[in-house]
Amino acid sequence: MSSILHAIQDSRIFREGKIKELSLELSLLRQDLKNSVDRVNEVELRVSEAENSIKSFRTTLTGLQNVVHQLEARVEDAEERPRWSIIRTVEILEESEGPSLLG
């Protein structure tokens, strides 16, 4: 009978030891899970901030593209103006000289 009691006691001690081990492992897993959740939350926050920055950059880029197009039009206009003056000057001179010089 004492051997049965001794076996029961050994079994109980063994189970308690295993329960403590499992409890410790579970605690470590919970901590790892919490750390992972914290990292995921941080990544989500960074991604959200990056998306907001990208939206802002797109708006800025669109505005800058419009400015570039306006400046290109102004440059083209500024390059064409002297040609218009030359054409007007040539036309005026030809008309004032009369038809005999036109060939």
Foldseek 3Di string as FASTA:
>chain_A
DVVVVVVVVVVVVVVVVVVVVVVVVVVVVVVVVVVVVVVVVVVVVVVVVVVVVVVVVVVVVVVVVVVVVVVVVVVVVVVCVVVVVVVVVVVVVVVVVDDVPVD
